Amino acid sequence: MSTIDFYGAGWCGDCVRSKRLLDNLKVEYTYHDVEKDDSARDKAQQISGKLSIPVIQFEDGSYFVEPSDPQLREKLQSLGLITD
């Protein structure tokens, strides 16, 4: 079961980059397309208080908005989801 919720859209460059990193690291996540699902858009905005994407929420309740690859990698390591 995924412990990460990823809110994004296909046209979003930061979303594509963050998804690529998660995929390359073989980290499971649940993708929510904010363009196709109004409730996902609303949830992303509720989590972050912003209209920006991606919003990536972790099992510990923390979240990132538009994270850099190093930020995302460090968080995954801290959660024990990757070891490199």
C-alpha atoms as a PDB file:
ATOM      1  CA  MET A   1       0.000   0.000   0.000  1.00  0.00           C
ATOM      2  CA  SER A   2       1.263   3.437  -0.915  1.00  0.00           C
ATOM      3  CA  THR A   3       2.246   5.803   1.864  1.00  0.00           C
ATOM      4  CA  ILE A   4       2.630   8.787  -0.477  1.00  0.00           C
ATOM      5  CA  ASP A   5      -0.122  10.807  -2.128  1.00  0.00           C
ATOM      6  CA  PHE A   6       1.028  12.728  -5.193  1.00  0.00           C
ATOM      7  CA  TYR A   7      -1.201  15.516  -6.514  1.00  0.00           C
ATOM      8  CA  GLY A   8      -0.215  16.738  -9.936  1.00  0.00           C
ATOM      9  CA  ALA A   9      -1.020  17.212 -13.610  1.00  0.00           C
ATOM     10  CA  GLY A  10       0.491  15.974 -16.850  1.00  0.00           C
ATOM     11  CA  TRP A  11       1.314  19.481 -18.103  1.00  0.00           C
ATOM     12  CA  CYS A  12       3.285  20.364 -14.968  1.00  0.00           C
ATOM     13  CA  GLY A  13       7.048  20.138 -15.464  1.00  0.00           C
ATOM     14  CA  ASP A  14       7.797  19.865 -11.742  1.00  0.00           C
ATOM     15  CA  CYS A  15       5.225  17.058 -11.475  1.00  0.00           C
ATOM     16  CA  VAL A  16       6.832  15.140 -14.332  1.00  0.00           C
ATOM     17  CA  ARG A  17      10.278  15.556 -12.751  1.00  0.00           C
ATOM     18  CA  SER A  18       9.147  14.449  -9.278  1.00  0.00           C
ATOM     19  CA  LYS A  19       7.211  11.475 -10.700  1.00  0.00           C
ATOM     20  CA  ARG A  20      10.284  10.432 -12.686  1.00  0.00           C
ATOM     21  CA  LEU A  21      12.406  10.481  -9.524  1.00  0.00           C
ATOM     22  CA  LEU A  22       9.884   8.395  -7.564  1.00  0.00           C
ATOM     23  CA  ASP A  23       9.553   5.946 -10.455  1.00  0.00           C
ATOM     24  CA  ASN A  24      13.326   5.635 -10.904  1.00  0.00           C
ATOM     25  CA  LEU A  25      13.727   4.978  -7.177  1.00  0.00           C
ATOM     26  CA  LYS A  26      10.850   2.458  -7.321  1.00  0.00           C
ATOM     27  CA  VAL A  27       8.953   4.263  -4.564  1.00  0.00           C
ATOM     28  CA  GLU A  28       5.232   3.515  -4.505  1.00  0.00           C
ATOM     29  CA  TYR A  29       2.798   6.410  -4.516  1.00  0.00           C
ATOM     30  CA  THR A  30      -0.802   7.126  -5.343  1.00  0.00           C
ATOM     31  CA  TYR A  31      -1.168   9.653  -8.148  1.00  0.00           C
ATOM     32  CA  HIS A  32      -4.082  12.078  -8.102  1.00  0.00           C
ATOM     33  CA  ASP A  33      -4.610  14.060 -11.322  1.00  0.00           C
ATOM     34  CA  VAL A  34      -5.849  17.506 -10.305  1.00  0.00           C
ATOM     35  CA  GLU A  35      -6.913  18.294 -13.867  1.00  0.00           C
ATOM     36  CA  LYS A  36      -9.251  15.307 -14.126  1.00  0.00           C
ATOM     37  CA  ASP A  37     -10.470  15.149 -10.521  1.00  0.00           C
ATOM     38  CA  ASP A  38     -11.863  18.261  -8.839  1.00  0.00           C
ATOM     39  CA  SER A  39     -11.779  16.575  -5.431  1.00  0.00           C
ATOM     40  CA  ALA A  40      -8.044  15.890  -5.888  1.00  0.00           C
ATOM     41  CA  ARG A  41      -7.470  19.554  -6.781  1.00  0.00           C
ATOM     42  CA  ASP A  42      -9.408  20.621  -3.694  1.00  0.00           C
ATOM     43  CA  LYS A  43      -7.508  18.179  -1.477  1.00  0.00           C
ATOM     44  CA  ALA A  44      -4.133  19.386  -2.768  1.00  0.00           C
ATOM     45  CA  GLN A  45      -5.125  22.965  -2.031  1.00  0.00           C
ATOM     46  CA  GLN A  46      -6.432  21.969   1.410  1.00  0.00           C
ATOM     47  CA  ILE A  47      -3.139  20.234   2.260  1.00  0.00           C
ATOM     48  CA  SER A  48      -0.838  23.030   1.140  1.00  0.00           C
ATOM     49  CA  GLY A  49      -2.983  26.148   1.297  1.00  0.00           C
ATOM     50  CA  LYS A  50      -1.694  26.951  -2.196  1.00  0.00           C
ATOM     51  CA  LEU A  51      -2.676  26.414  -5.814  1.00  0.00           C
ATOM     52  CA  SER A  52       0.804  25.154  -6.732  1.00  0.00           C
ATOM     53  CA  ILE A  53       1.562  21.568  -7.726  1.00  0.00           C
ATOM     54  CA  PRO A  54       2.943  19.046  -7.226  1.00  0.00           C
ATOM     55  CA  VAL A  55       1.795  18.505  -3.677  1.00  0.00           C
ATOM     56  CA  ILE A  56       3.371  15.368  -2.263  1.00  0.00           C
ATOM     57  CA  GLN A  57       2.047  14.206   1.108  1.00  0.00           C
ATOM     58  CA  PHE A  58       3.806  11.567   3.195  1.00  0.00           C
ATOM     59  CA  GLU A  59       2.536   9.055   5.748  1.00  0.00           C
ATOM     60  CA  ASP A  60       3.834  11.199   8.622  1.00  0.00           C
ATOM     61  CA  GLY A  61       1.486  14.016   7.547  1.00  0.00           C
ATOM     62  CA  SER A  62       4.249  16.219   6.183  1.00  0.00           C
ATOM     63  CA  TYR A  63       4.138  17.452   2.611  1.00  0.00           C
ATOM     64  CA  PHE A  64       6.152  19.219  -0.046  1.00  0.00           C
ATOM     65  CA  VAL A  65       5.001  21.683  -2.663  1.00  0.00           C
ATOM     66  CA  GLU A  66       7.223  21.799  -5.752  1.00  0.00           C
ATOM     67  CA  PRO A  67      10.153  19.992  -4.086  1.00  0.00           C
ATOM     68  CA  SER A  68      13.576  19.789  -5.637  1.00  0.00           C
ATOM     69  CA  ASP A  69      14.918  16.313  -6.366  1.00  0.00           C
ATOM     70  CA  PRO A  70      17.470  16.541  -3.500  1.00  0.00           C
ATOM     71  CA  GLN A  71      14.698  17.581  -1.044  1.00  0.00           C
ATOM     72  CA  LEU A  72      12.480  14.719  -2.144  1.00  0.00           C
ATOM     73  CA  ARG A  73      15.316  12.179  -2.041  1.00  0.00           C
ATOM     74  CA  GLU A  74      16.313  13.303   1.486  1.00  0.00           C
ATOM     75  CA  LYS A  75      12.717  12.963   2.723  1.00  0.00           C
ATOM     76  CA  LEU A  76      12.412   9.474   1.225  1.00  0.00           C
ATOM     77  CA  GLN A  77      15.636   8.483   2.965  1.00  0.00           C
ATOM     78  CA  SER A  78      14.416   9.874   6.303  1.00  0.00           C
ATOM     79  CA  LEU A  79      11.248   7.782   5.988  1.00  0.00           C
ATOM     80  CA  GLY A  80      13.280   4.660   5.177  1.00  0.00           C
ATOM     81  CA  LEU A  81      11.684   4.343   1.726  1.00  0.00           C
ATOM     82  CA  ILE A  82      15.079   4.395  -0.007  1.00  0.00           C
ATOM     83  CA  THR A  83      18.552   3.605   1.271  1.00  0.00           C
ATOM     84  CA  ASP A  84      20.852   5.263  -1.258  1.00  0.00           C
END
